């Protein structure tokens, strides 16, 4: 089977599925990764360059997952506007690969962090854990929808693009909804908290600690 960052298209939209070079026993755990504003486009590949894709290239052994990496075309429209596109990618991945329904996870950075908060409880997949990076919650009721999911939030306390107050508020809203959310703050770190989150926190291992009953 081919491995690496593989290009696919569904509904005319290009996206990537990462397949580990070292075979993963089927059914495989899987991650949905939502990129940030700067990786928006229609090339189908730019979303692999920053964040999780970069971490995988640096330490593939830490990420024994299939990773579904859709791309949204518009820089300013947020991920909740693209739920149909995401679901098409997820269903396509399930049609091509044996994915463990109990070990599916979601993460994203910046606009993708917002998408992780907003969509973890409302997509075609049910997720066993979520990890929003430098994200925020917009919609009323989003916290309640993910209160049943373990959530690990990452944010730099010097972030001027998405101030740390938004990350703290999201965590507090999940806790008030009865959820299990923890927050890792990086002192002096600006918007790029994703290198720390994906390269230094054993996030892949934390994901694998969680599965759906």
N, C-alpha and C. Protein backbone atom coordinates (compact mmCIF):
# COMPACT_ATOMS: atom_id res chain seq x y z
N UNK A 1 0.84 -1.20 0.00
CA UNK A 1 0.00 0.00 0.00
C UNK A 1 0.88 1.25 0.00
N UNK A 2 0.49 2.24 -0.77
CA UNK A 2 1.22 3.50 -0.79
C UNK A 2 1.17 4.16 0.58
N UNK A 3 2.20 4.94 0.89
CA UNK A 3 2.26 5.62 2.18
C UNK A 3 2.74 7.04 1.99
N UNK A 4 2.72 7.81 3.08
CA UNK A 4 3.09 9.22 3.02
C UNK A 4 1.86 10.10 2.89
N UNK A 5 2.05 11.31 2.40
CA UNK A 5 0.96 12.27 2.22
C UNK A 5 0.34 12.06 0.84
N UNK A 6 -0.79 11.38 0.80
CA UNK A 6 -1.39 10.96 -0.46
C UNK A 6 -2.49 11.92 -0.87
N UNK A 7 -2.50 12.29 -2.14
CA UNK A 7 -3.49 13.22 -2.69
C UNK A 7 -4.74 12.48 -3.13
N UNK A 8 -5.89 13.02 -2.76
CA UNK A 8 -7.18 12.49 -3.19
C UNK A 8 -8.08 13.66 -3.56
N UNK A 9 -9.19 13.34 -4.19
CA UNK A 9 -10.20 14.36 -4.49
C UNK A 9 -11.57 13.74 -4.31
N UNK A 10 -12.47 14.52 -3.74
CA UNK A 10 -13.86 14.09 -3.58
C UNK A 10 -14.74 15.31 -3.82
N UNK A 11 -15.76 15.15 -4.63
CA UNK A 11 -16.62 16.28 -4.96
C UNK A 11 -15.88 17.40 -5.65
N UNK A 12 -14.79 17.08 -6.34
CA UNK A 12 -13.99 18.10 -7.02
C UNK A 12 -13.03 18.84 -6.11
N UNK A 13 -12.95 18.46 -4.84
CA UNK A 13 -12.09 19.13 -3.87
C UNK A 13 -10.92 18.24 -3.50
N UNK A 14 -9.71 18.76 -3.66
CA UNK A 14 -8.51 17.98 -3.35
C UNK A 14 -8.21 18.05 -1.86
N UNK A 15 -7.71 16.94 -1.34
CA UNK A 15 -7.30 16.88 0.06
C UNK A 15 -6.25 15.79 0.20
N UNK A 16 -5.75 15.61 1.42
CA UNK A 16 -4.66 14.67 1.69
C UNK A 16 -5.07 13.70 2.79
N UNK A 17 -4.64 12.46 2.62
CA UNK A 17 -4.68 11.49 3.72
C UNK A 17 -3.25 11.03 3.95
N UNK A 18 -2.77 11.20 5.18
CA UNK A 18 -1.44 10.71 5.53
C UNK A 18 -1.56 9.25 5.94
N UNK A 19 -0.72 8.41 5.33
CA UNK A 19 -0.66 6.98 5.66
C UNK A 19 0.74 6.69 6.17
N UNK A 20 0.89 6.21 7.40
CA UNK A 20 2.23 5.97 7.95
C UNK A 20 3.03 4.98 7.09
N UNK A 21 4.31 5.24 6.96
CA UNK A 21 5.18 4.32 6.22
C UNK A 21 5.34 3.00 6.96
N UNK A 22 5.39 3.07 8.29
CA UNK A 22 5.40 1.85 9.09
C UNK A 22 3.96 1.40 9.25
N UNK A 23 3.61 0.21 8.75
CA UNK A 23 2.21 -0.21 8.78
C UNK A 23 1.60 -0.16 10.17
N UNK A 24 0.36 0.30 10.24
CA UNK A 24 -0.40 0.34 11.48
C UNK A 24 -1.44 -0.77 11.42
N UNK A 25 -1.55 -1.54 12.50
CA UNK A 25 -2.49 -2.65 12.51
C UNK A 25 -3.91 -2.14 12.28
N UNK A 26 -4.62 -2.81 11.39
CA UNK A 26 -6.01 -2.44 11.11
C UNK A 26 -6.94 -3.08 12.14
N UNK A 27 -8.02 -2.37 12.50
CA UNK A 27 -8.38 -1.03 12.03
C UNK A 27 -7.51 0.03 12.68
N UNK A 28 -7.13 1.03 11.92
CA UNK A 28 -6.16 2.03 12.35
C UNK A 28 -6.82 3.19 13.07
N UNK A 29 -6.14 3.77 14.06
CA UNK A 29 -6.61 5.04 14.63
C UNK A 29 -6.46 6.14 13.59
N UNK A 30 -7.28 7.18 13.71
CA UNK A 30 -7.27 8.23 12.69
C UNK A 30 -7.48 9.60 13.33
N UNK A 31 -6.89 10.60 12.70
CA UNK A 31 -7.01 12.00 13.14
C UNK A 31 -7.58 12.83 12.00
N UNK A 32 -8.50 13.70 12.33
CA UNK A 32 -8.92 14.77 11.42
C UNK A 32 -8.15 16.02 11.81
N UNK A 33 -7.40 16.59 10.85
CA UNK A 33 -6.64 17.82 11.10
C UNK A 33 -7.23 18.96 10.29
N UNK A 34 -7.52 20.06 10.99
CA UNK A 34 -8.07 21.27 10.35
C UNK A 34 -7.01 22.37 10.39
N UNK A 35 -6.65 22.88 9.23
CA UNK A 35 -5.56 23.85 9.11
C UNK A 35 -6.01 25.26 9.49
N UNK A 36 -5.05 26.18 9.49
CA UNK A 36 -5.32 27.57 9.81
C UNK A 36 -5.57 28.42 8.57
N UNK A 37 -5.76 29.72 8.79
CA UNK A 37 -6.12 30.64 7.71
C UNK A 37 -5.12 30.63 6.57
N UNK A 38 -3.84 30.66 6.91
CA UNK A 38 -2.81 30.80 5.89
C UNK A 38 -2.67 29.63 4.95
N UNK A 39 -3.21 28.48 5.32
CA UNK A 39 -3.10 27.29 4.49
C UNK A 39 -4.34 27.07 3.63
N UNK A 40 -5.27 28.03 3.68
CA UNK A 40 -6.46 27.93 2.82
C UNK A 40 -6.05 28.01 1.36
N UNK A 41 -6.85 27.40 0.50
CA UNK A 41 -6.56 27.41 -0.93
C UNK A 41 -7.23 26.26 -1.63
N UNK A 42 -6.77 25.99 -2.85
CA UNK A 42 -7.34 24.91 -3.65
C UNK A 42 -6.27 23.99 -4.21
N UNK A 43 -5.03 24.13 -3.75
CA UNK A 43 -3.95 23.28 -4.24
C UNK A 43 -4.03 21.87 -3.66
N UNK A 44 -4.72 21.72 -2.52
CA UNK A 44 -4.90 20.41 -1.92
C UNK A 44 -3.75 19.90 -1.09
N UNK A 45 -2.67 20.67 -0.94
CA UNK A 45 -1.48 20.16 -0.26
C UNK A 45 -0.90 21.11 0.78
N UNK A 46 -1.19 22.40 0.65
CA UNK A 46 -0.56 23.40 1.53
C UNK A 46 -0.85 23.14 3.01
N UNK A 47 -1.98 22.51 3.30
CA UNK A 47 -2.36 22.25 4.68
C UNK A 47 -1.46 21.23 5.38
N UNK A 48 -0.59 20.57 4.61
CA UNK A 48 0.32 19.60 5.21
C UNK A 48 1.63 20.24 5.67
N UNK A 49 1.85 21.52 5.35
CA UNK A 49 3.16 22.13 5.57
C UNK A 49 3.37 22.65 6.98
N UNK A 50 2.29 23.00 7.66
CA UNK A 50 2.39 23.65 8.97
C UNK A 50 1.59 22.86 9.99
N UNK A 51 2.12 22.78 11.20
CA UNK A 51 1.37 22.13 12.26
C UNK A 51 1.60 20.64 12.30
N UNK A 52 0.54 19.86 12.21
CA UNK A 52 0.65 18.42 12.37
C UNK A 52 1.47 17.79 11.25
N UNK A 53 1.27 18.24 10.02
CA UNK A 53 2.04 17.67 8.91
C UNK A 53 3.53 17.84 9.11
N UNK A 54 3.95 19.00 9.56
CA UNK A 54 5.36 19.25 9.83
C UNK A 54 5.87 18.37 10.96
N UNK A 55 5.07 18.20 12.01
CA UNK A 55 5.46 17.34 13.12
C UNK A 55 5.63 15.89 12.67
N UNK A 56 4.75 15.44 11.80
CA UNK A 56 4.86 14.08 11.27
C UNK A 56 6.16 13.91 10.49
N UNK A 57 6.49 14.89 9.67
CA UNK A 57 7.73 14.80 8.89
C UNK A 57 8.96 14.75 9.80
N UNK A 58 8.89 15.41 10.94
CA UNK A 58 10.03 15.46 11.85
C UNK A 58 10.13 14.22 12.73
N UNK A 59 8.99 13.61 13.06
CA UNK A 59 9.00 12.46 13.99
C UNK A 59 7.81 11.56 13.69
N UNK A 60 7.87 10.87 12.56
CA UNK A 60 6.73 10.06 12.12
C UNK A 60 6.35 8.99 13.13
N UNK A 61 7.32 8.47 13.87
CA UNK A 61 7.04 7.41 14.83
C UNK A 61 6.09 7.86 15.93
N UNK A 62 6.02 9.17 16.17
CA UNK A 62 5.12 9.69 17.21
C UNK A 62 3.67 9.76 16.74
N UNK A 63 3.44 9.50 15.46
CA UNK A 63 2.10 9.69 14.89
C UNK A 63 1.67 8.45 14.10
N UNK A 64 1.36 7.34 14.81
CA UNK A 64 0.93 6.11 14.13
C UNK A 64 -0.56 6.13 13.81
N UNK A 65 -0.95 7.10 13.01
CA UNK A 65 -2.35 7.33 12.68
C UNK A 65 -2.50 7.55 11.17
N UNK A 66 -3.68 7.22 10.65
CA UNK A 66 -4.11 7.82 9.41
C UNK A 66 -4.55 9.24 9.74
N UNK A 67 -4.20 10.21 8.90
CA UNK A 67 -4.56 11.60 9.17
C UNK A 67 -5.29 12.16 7.95
N UNK A 68 -6.53 12.57 8.16
CA UNK A 68 -7.34 13.17 7.09
C UNK A 68 -7.15 14.68 7.16
N UNK A 69 -6.73 15.28 6.05
CA UNK A 69 -6.35 16.69 6.03
C UNK A 69 -7.10 17.42 4.91
N UNK A 70 -8.34 17.83 5.15
CA UNK A 70 -9.07 18.60 4.14
C UNK A 70 -8.49 20.01 4.02
N UNK A 71 -8.90 20.70 2.97
CA UNK A 71 -8.48 22.09 2.77
C UNK A 71 -9.70 22.94 2.41
N UNK A 72 -9.84 24.06 3.10
CA UNK A 72 -10.93 24.98 2.76
C UNK A 72 -10.38 26.06 1.82
N UNK A 73 -11.19 26.53 0.88
CA UNK A 73 -10.66 27.45 -0.14
C UNK A 73 -10.56 28.90 0.29
N UNK A 74 -11.44 29.35 1.18
CA UNK A 74 -11.56 30.77 1.49
C UNK A 74 -10.78 31.11 2.77
N UNK A 75 -9.97 32.16 2.70
CA UNK A 75 -9.15 32.53 3.85
C UNK A 75 -9.99 32.98 5.04
N UNK A 76 -11.12 33.59 4.79
CA UNK A 76 -11.87 34.23 5.88
C UNK A 76 -13.11 33.47 6.33
N UNK A 77 -13.63 32.57 5.51
CA UNK A 77 -14.74 31.74 5.96
C UNK A 77 -14.21 30.64 6.88
N UNK A 78 -14.85 30.47 8.03
CA UNK A 78 -14.36 29.52 9.02
C UNK A 78 -14.85 28.10 8.71
N UNK A 79 -14.25 27.13 9.40
CA UNK A 79 -14.53 25.72 9.13
C UNK A 79 -16.00 25.32 9.29
N UNK A 80 -16.76 25.90 10.21
CA UNK A 80 -18.18 25.50 10.28
C UNK A 80 -18.95 25.73 8.98
N UNK A 81 -18.41 26.54 8.07
CA UNK A 81 -19.05 26.72 6.76
C UNK A 81 -18.75 25.57 5.80
N UNK A 82 -17.88 24.65 6.22
CA UNK A 82 -17.44 23.58 5.32
C UNK A 82 -17.69 22.19 5.91
N UNK A 83 -18.72 22.05 6.71
CA UNK A 83 -18.97 20.74 7.32
C UNK A 83 -19.26 19.66 6.27
N UNK A 84 -19.97 20.00 5.22
CA UNK A 84 -20.26 19.01 4.18
C UNK A 84 -18.98 18.53 3.52
N UNK A 85 -18.06 19.46 3.26
CA UNK A 85 -16.79 19.08 2.64
C UNK A 85 -15.99 18.19 3.57
N UNK A 86 -15.94 18.53 4.84
CA UNK A 86 -15.22 17.70 5.80
C UNK A 86 -15.82 16.30 5.85
N UNK A 87 -17.13 16.22 5.96
CA UNK A 87 -17.79 14.92 6.06
C UNK A 87 -17.55 14.07 4.81
N UNK A 88 -17.50 14.70 3.64
CA UNK A 88 -17.19 13.96 2.41
C UNK A 88 -15.80 13.34 2.50
N UNK A 89 -14.84 14.10 3.02
CA UNK A 89 -13.48 13.58 3.17
C UNK A 89 -13.44 12.43 4.17
N UNK A 90 -14.15 12.57 5.27
CA UNK A 90 -14.16 11.52 6.29
C UNK A 90 -14.79 10.24 5.74
N UNK A 91 -15.89 10.36 5.05
CA UNK A 91 -16.55 9.17 4.49
C UNK A 91 -15.69 8.52 3.41
N UNK A 92 -15.01 9.35 2.62
CA UNK A 92 -14.10 8.80 1.61
C UNK A 92 -12.99 8.01 2.29
N UNK A 93 -12.40 8.58 3.35
CA UNK A 93 -11.33 7.88 4.06
C UNK A 93 -11.80 6.53 4.58
N UNK A 94 -13.01 6.49 5.11
CA UNK A 94 -13.55 5.23 5.62
C UNK A 94 -13.78 4.23 4.49
N UNK A 95 -14.07 4.72 3.30
CA UNK A 95 -14.30 3.81 2.17
C UNK A 95 -13.00 3.22 1.63
N UNK A 96 -11.87 3.88 1.90
CA UNK A 96 -10.58 3.44 1.36
C UNK A 96 -9.70 2.74 2.38
N UNK A 97 -9.92 3.02 3.66
CA UNK A 97 -9.05 2.48 4.70
C UNK A 97 -9.89 1.89 5.84
N UNK A 98 -9.31 0.92 6.53
CA UNK A 98 -9.97 0.34 7.69
C UNK A 98 -9.64 1.20 8.91
N UNK A 99 -10.60 2.01 9.32
CA UNK A 99 -10.42 2.97 10.40
C UNK A 99 -11.17 2.50 11.63
N UNK A 100 -10.51 2.56 12.77
CA UNK A 100 -11.12 2.14 14.04
C UNK A 100 -12.17 3.17 14.46
N UNK A 101 -13.44 2.80 14.54
CA UNK A 101 -14.47 3.77 14.92
C UNK A 101 -14.36 4.22 16.37
N UNK A 102 -13.59 3.49 17.18
CA UNK A 102 -13.44 3.85 18.59
C UNK A 102 -12.25 4.77 18.83
N UNK A 103 -11.38 4.92 17.83
CA UNK A 103 -10.16 5.72 18.01
C UNK A 103 -10.02 6.73 16.87
N UNK A 104 -10.91 7.70 16.91
CA UNK A 104 -10.89 8.80 15.94
C UNK A 104 -10.77 10.11 16.72
N UNK A 105 -9.88 10.99 16.27
CA UNK A 105 -9.51 12.18 17.02
C UNK A 105 -9.56 13.40 16.10
N UNK A 106 -9.65 14.57 16.72
CA UNK A 106 -9.71 15.81 15.94
C UNK A 106 -8.78 16.85 16.56
N UNK A 107 -8.06 17.57 15.70
CA UNK A 107 -7.21 18.66 16.14
C UNK A 107 -7.10 19.68 15.01
N UNK A 108 -6.71 20.89 15.36
CA UNK A 108 -6.52 21.93 14.37
C UNK A 108 -5.91 23.15 15.01
N UNK A 109 -5.37 24.03 14.17
CA UNK A 109 -4.68 25.21 14.69
C UNK A 109 -5.32 26.49 14.17
N UNK A 110 -5.38 27.51 15.02
CA UNK A 110 -5.92 28.82 14.69
C UNK A 110 -7.36 28.68 14.19
N UNK A 111 -7.65 29.02 12.92
CA UNK A 111 -9.01 28.78 12.43
C UNK A 111 -9.38 27.31 12.57
N UNK A 112 -8.40 26.44 12.45
CA UNK A 112 -8.65 25.02 12.66
C UNK A 112 -8.87 24.67 14.12
N UNK A 113 -8.28 25.48 15.03
CA UNK A 113 -8.58 25.31 16.45
C UNK A 113 -10.01 25.69 16.74
N UNK A 114 -10.46 26.78 16.12
CA UNK A 114 -11.87 27.16 16.21
C UNK A 114 -12.75 26.04 15.65
N UNK A 115 -12.36 25.50 14.50
CA UNK A 115 -13.12 24.41 13.91
C UNK A 115 -13.17 23.19 14.79
N UNK A 116 -12.08 22.92 15.50
CA UNK A 116 -12.06 21.77 16.41
C UNK A 116 -13.05 21.97 17.54
N UNK A 117 -13.03 23.14 18.16
CA UNK A 117 -14.01 23.44 19.22
C UNK A 117 -15.44 23.35 18.69
N UNK A 118 -15.68 23.94 17.54
CA UNK A 118 -17.04 24.09 17.04
C UNK A 118 -17.62 22.80 16.46
N UNK A 119 -16.76 21.94 15.91
CA UNK A 119 -17.25 20.82 15.12
C UNK A 119 -17.00 19.45 15.72
N UNK A 120 -16.25 19.38 16.81
CA UNK A 120 -15.91 18.06 17.37
C UNK A 120 -17.15 17.26 17.75
N UNK A 121 -18.25 17.94 18.01
CA UNK A 121 -19.46 17.24 18.40
C UNK A 121 -20.52 17.16 17.34
N UNK A 122 -20.18 17.52 16.08
CA UNK A 122 -21.26 17.61 15.09
C UNK A 122 -20.86 17.17 13.68
N UNK A 123 -19.83 16.35 13.55
CA UNK A 123 -19.43 15.85 12.23
C UNK A 123 -19.84 14.39 12.05
N UNK A 124 -19.52 13.84 10.87
CA UNK A 124 -19.91 12.46 10.57
C UNK A 124 -19.22 11.47 11.50
N UNK A 125 -18.02 11.80 11.94
CA UNK A 125 -17.32 10.93 12.89
C UNK A 125 -17.65 11.33 14.32
N UNK A 126 -17.64 10.35 15.21
CA UNK A 126 -17.63 10.61 16.65
C UNK A 126 -16.18 10.54 17.10
N UNK A 127 -15.75 11.52 17.88
CA UNK A 127 -14.35 11.61 18.25
C UNK A 127 -14.13 11.20 19.70
N UNK A 128 -13.01 10.50 19.93
CA UNK A 128 -12.67 10.05 21.27
C UNK A 128 -11.93 11.11 22.06
N UNK A 129 -11.33 12.09 21.39
CA UNK A 129 -10.63 13.19 22.06
C UNK A 129 -10.40 14.30 21.05
N UNK A 130 -10.18 15.52 21.58
CA UNK A 130 -9.99 16.70 20.73
C UNK A 130 -8.85 17.55 21.28
N UNK A 131 -8.11 18.20 20.36
CA UNK A 131 -6.99 19.04 20.77
C UNK A 131 -6.97 20.33 19.94
N UNK A 132 -7.69 21.36 20.37
CA UNK A 132 -7.65 22.65 19.68
C UNK A 132 -6.37 23.41 20.03
N UNK A 133 -5.73 23.98 19.02
CA UNK A 133 -4.50 24.75 19.22
C UNK A 133 -4.77 26.20 18.82
N UNK A 134 -4.49 27.13 19.72
CA UNK A 134 -4.71 28.57 19.55
C UNK A 134 -6.06 28.86 18.88
N UNK A 135 -7.10 28.23 19.42
CA UNK A 135 -8.44 28.39 18.87
C UNK A 135 -9.37 29.14 19.80
N UNK A 136 -10.64 29.14 19.44
CA UNK A 136 -11.64 29.86 20.23
C UNK A 136 -13.02 29.31 19.90
N UNK A 137 -13.99 29.62 20.75
CA UNK A 137 -15.37 29.21 20.52
C UNK A 137 -16.19 30.44 20.14
N UNK A 138 -16.96 30.32 19.07
CA UNK A 138 -17.84 31.40 18.62
C UNK A 138 -19.29 31.17 19.01
N UNK A 139 -19.79 29.98 18.76
CA UNK A 139 -21.24 29.75 18.80
C UNK A 139 -21.72 29.28 20.16
N UNK A 140 -22.87 29.78 20.54
CA UNK A 140 -23.50 29.34 21.78
C UNK A 140 -23.88 27.87 21.64
N UNK A 141 -23.56 27.10 22.63
CA UNK A 141 -23.90 25.68 22.61
C UNK A 141 -22.78 24.78 22.15
N UNK A 142 -21.70 25.34 21.58
CA UNK A 142 -20.61 24.49 21.10
C UNK A 142 -19.94 23.74 22.24
N UNK A 143 -19.76 24.41 23.38
CA UNK A 143 -19.10 23.76 24.51
C UNK A 143 -19.89 22.56 25.00
N UNK A 144 -21.20 22.70 25.06
CA UNK A 144 -22.04 21.60 25.53
C UNK A 144 -21.95 20.39 24.61
N UNK A 145 -21.76 20.63 23.31
CA UNK A 145 -21.69 19.53 22.35
C UNK A 145 -20.42 18.70 22.49
N UNK A 146 -19.38 19.28 23.10
CA UNK A 146 -18.13 18.53 23.25
C UNK A 146 -17.81 18.26 24.72
N UNK A 147 -18.77 18.50 25.59
CA UNK A 147 -18.53 18.29 27.02
C UNK A 147 -18.25 16.83 27.34
N UNK A 148 -18.67 15.91 26.47
CA UNK A 148 -18.45 14.48 26.71
C UNK A 148 -17.11 14.00 26.17
N UNK A 149 -16.34 14.89 25.53
CA UNK A 149 -15.09 14.51 24.89
C UNK A 149 -13.91 15.05 25.70
N UNK A 150 -12.89 14.25 25.99
CA UNK A 150 -11.67 14.81 26.59
C UNK A 150 -11.04 15.83 25.65
N UNK A 151 -10.73 17.02 26.17
CA UNK A 151 -10.21 18.11 25.35
C UNK A 151 -8.92 18.63 25.97
N UNK A 152 -7.88 18.73 25.15
CA UNK A 152 -6.61 19.31 25.57
C UNK A 152 -6.37 20.53 24.69
N UNK A 153 -6.32 21.71 25.32
CA UNK A 153 -6.21 22.98 24.62
C UNK A 153 -4.78 23.52 24.78
N UNK A 154 -4.23 24.08 23.71
CA UNK A 154 -2.90 24.67 23.73
C UNK A 154 -2.99 26.12 23.26
N UNK A 155 -2.23 27.03 23.93
CA UNK A 155 -2.30 28.44 23.56
C UNK A 155 -1.07 29.17 24.10
N UNK A 156 -0.52 30.07 23.30
CA UNK A 156 0.55 30.94 23.76
C UNK A 156 -0.01 32.15 24.47
N UNK A 157 0.59 32.53 25.60
CA UNK A 157 0.01 33.65 26.36
C UNK A 157 0.38 35.01 25.77
N UNK A 158 1.24 35.02 24.72
CA UNK A 158 1.56 36.27 24.03
C UNK A 158 0.93 36.31 22.63
N UNK A 159 -0.07 35.49 22.41
CA UNK A 159 -0.75 35.43 21.11
C UNK A 159 -1.56 36.71 20.90
N UNK A 160 -1.24 37.46 19.84
CA UNK A 160 -2.00 38.67 19.53
C UNK A 160 -3.04 38.43 18.43
N UNK A 161 -2.92 37.33 17.70
CA UNK A 161 -3.91 37.01 16.67
C UNK A 161 -5.18 36.44 17.28
N UNK A 162 -5.00 35.50 18.20
CA UNK A 162 -6.12 34.93 18.98
C UNK A 162 -5.70 35.02 20.44
N UNK A 163 -6.08 36.07 21.14
CA UNK A 163 -5.60 36.28 22.51
C UNK A 163 -5.89 35.09 23.42
N UNK A 164 -4.98 34.86 24.36
CA UNK A 164 -5.10 33.75 25.29
C UNK A 164 -6.43 33.78 26.04
N UNK A 165 -7.01 34.96 26.22
CA UNK A 165 -8.30 35.04 26.92
C UNK A 165 -9.36 34.22 26.21
N UNK A 166 -9.27 34.11 24.89
CA UNK A 166 -10.26 33.33 24.15
C UNK A 166 -10.08 31.84 24.40
N UNK A 167 -8.84 31.39 24.50
CA UNK A 167 -8.60 29.99 24.82
C UNK A 167 -9.05 29.66 26.23
N UNK A 168 -8.76 30.56 27.16
CA UNK A 168 -9.19 30.33 28.55
C UNK A 168 -10.70 30.31 28.65
N UNK A 169 -11.36 31.22 27.93
CA UNK A 169 -12.82 31.27 27.97
C UNK A 169 -13.43 29.99 27.41
N UNK A 170 -12.81 29.45 26.35
CA UNK A 170 -13.32 28.20 25.77
C UNK A 170 -13.21 27.05 26.76
N UNK A 171 -12.07 26.96 27.43
CA UNK A 171 -11.88 25.90 28.43
C UNK A 171 -12.89 26.05 29.56
N UNK A 172 -13.08 27.26 30.02
CA UNK A 172 -14.03 27.49 31.12
C UNK A 172 -15.45 27.13 30.69
N UNK A 173 -15.82 27.45 29.46
CA UNK A 173 -17.17 27.14 29.01
C UNK A 173 -17.39 25.63 28.93
N UNK A 174 -16.36 24.89 28.54
CA UNK A 174 -16.48 23.42 28.51
C UNK A 174 -16.61 22.87 29.92
N UNK A 175 -15.82 23.40 30.83
CA UNK A 175 -15.91 22.93 32.22
C UNK A 175 -17.27 23.25 32.82
N UNK A 176 -17.80 24.43 32.54
CA UNK A 176 -19.12 24.80 33.06
C UNK A 176 -20.22 23.92 32.48
N UNK A 177 -19.96 23.39 31.28
CA UNK A 177 -20.93 22.48 30.66
C UNK A 177 -20.78 21.05 31.17
N UNK A 178 -19.87 20.86 32.13
CA UNK A 178 -19.65 19.54 32.71
C UNK A 178 -18.58 18.73 32.02
N UNK A 179 -17.79 19.40 31.17
CA UNK A 179 -16.79 18.69 30.39
C UNK A 179 -15.44 18.57 31.05
N UNK A 180 -14.57 17.83 30.37
CA UNK A 180 -13.22 17.55 30.84
C UNK A 180 -12.23 18.22 29.89
N UNK A 181 -11.84 19.45 30.21
CA UNK A 181 -10.90 20.19 29.37
C UNK A 181 -9.70 20.63 30.19
N UNK A 182 -8.51 20.50 29.59
CA UNK A 182 -7.31 21.02 30.25
C UNK A 182 -6.62 21.97 29.30
N UNK A 183 -5.89 22.92 29.87
CA UNK A 183 -5.24 23.97 29.09
C UNK A 183 -3.75 23.99 29.37
N UNK A 184 -2.95 23.95 28.31
CA UNK A 184 -1.51 24.15 28.41
C UNK A 184 -1.19 25.51 27.79
N UNK A 185 -0.65 26.41 28.61
CA UNK A 185 -0.26 27.74 28.15
C UNK A 185 1.26 27.80 27.99
N UNK A 186 1.70 28.50 26.95
CA UNK A 186 3.12 28.67 26.69
C UNK A 186 3.52 30.11 26.97
N UNK A 187 4.27 30.36 28.05
CA UNK A 187 4.66 31.73 28.39
C UNK A 187 5.54 32.35 27.31
N UNK A 188 5.20 33.57 26.91
CA UNK A 188 5.99 34.29 25.93
C UNK A 188 5.82 33.85 24.49
N UNK A 189 4.98 32.86 24.25
CA UNK A 189 4.78 32.34 22.89
C UNK A 189 3.62 33.07 22.24
N UNK A 190 3.81 33.45 20.98
CA UNK A 190 2.76 34.15 20.23
C UNK A 190 1.79 33.18 19.59
N UNK A 191 1.41 33.49 18.35
CA UNK A 191 0.36 32.69 17.70
C UNK A 191 0.82 31.27 17.40
N UNK A 192 2.09 31.11 17.11
CA UNK A 192 2.59 29.76 16.80
C UNK A 192 2.80 28.95 18.07
N UNK A 193 1.70 28.45 18.60
CA UNK A 193 1.79 27.47 19.69
C UNK A 193 1.75 26.05 19.14
N UNK A 194 1.56 25.91 17.82
CA UNK A 194 1.40 24.57 17.25
C UNK A 194 2.70 23.78 17.22
N UNK A 195 3.84 24.44 17.06
CA UNK A 195 5.09 23.68 17.08
C UNK A 195 5.30 23.02 18.44
N UNK A 196 5.01 23.76 19.51
CA UNK A 196 5.08 23.17 20.85
C UNK A 196 4.06 22.05 21.01
N UNK A 197 2.83 22.31 20.62
CA UNK A 197 1.75 21.35 20.84
C UNK A 197 1.99 20.04 20.11
N UNK A 198 2.40 20.12 18.86
CA UNK A 198 2.53 18.91 18.04
C UNK A 198 3.89 18.24 18.14
N UNK A 199 4.91 18.98 18.62
CA UNK A 199 6.25 18.41 18.63
C UNK A 199 6.79 18.10 20.02
N UNK A 200 6.18 18.67 21.07
CA UNK A 200 6.79 18.55 22.40
C UNK A 200 5.88 17.99 23.48
N UNK A 201 4.66 17.65 23.17
CA UNK A 201 3.70 17.31 24.22
C UNK A 201 3.22 15.85 24.21
N UNK A 202 3.79 15.01 23.37
CA UNK A 202 3.33 13.61 23.26
C UNK A 202 1.82 13.54 23.03
N UNK A 203 1.34 14.43 22.16
CA UNK A 203 -0.10 14.50 21.91
C UNK A 203 -0.62 13.22 21.27
N UNK A 204 0.15 12.63 20.37
CA UNK A 204 -0.29 11.38 19.76
C UNK A 204 -0.52 10.30 20.80
N UNK A 205 0.40 10.18 21.76
CA UNK A 205 0.24 9.19 22.82
C UNK A 205 -0.98 9.50 23.68
N UNK A 206 -1.23 10.79 23.93
CA UNK A 206 -2.42 11.17 24.71
C UNK A 206 -3.69 10.80 23.98
N UNK A 207 -3.73 11.04 22.68
CA UNK A 207 -4.90 10.61 21.91
C UNK A 207 -5.17 9.12 22.13
N UNK A 208 -4.13 8.31 22.04
CA UNK A 208 -4.31 6.87 22.11
C UNK A 208 -4.71 6.38 23.49
N UNK A 209 -4.61 7.24 24.49
CA UNK A 209 -5.12 6.89 25.82
C UNK A 209 -6.64 6.91 25.86
N UNK A 210 -7.27 7.48 24.83
CA UNK A 210 -8.72 7.67 24.84
C UNK A 210 -9.36 6.89 23.69
N UNK A 211 -10.44 6.24 24.00
CA UNK A 211 -11.22 5.55 22.97
C UNK A 211 -12.69 5.59 23.36
N UNK A 212 -13.54 5.46 22.36
CA UNK A 212 -14.97 5.43 22.63
C UNK A 212 -15.36 4.05 23.15
N UNK A 213 -16.32 4.00 24.03
CA UNK A 213 -16.78 2.72 24.57
C UNK A 213 -17.47 1.90 23.49
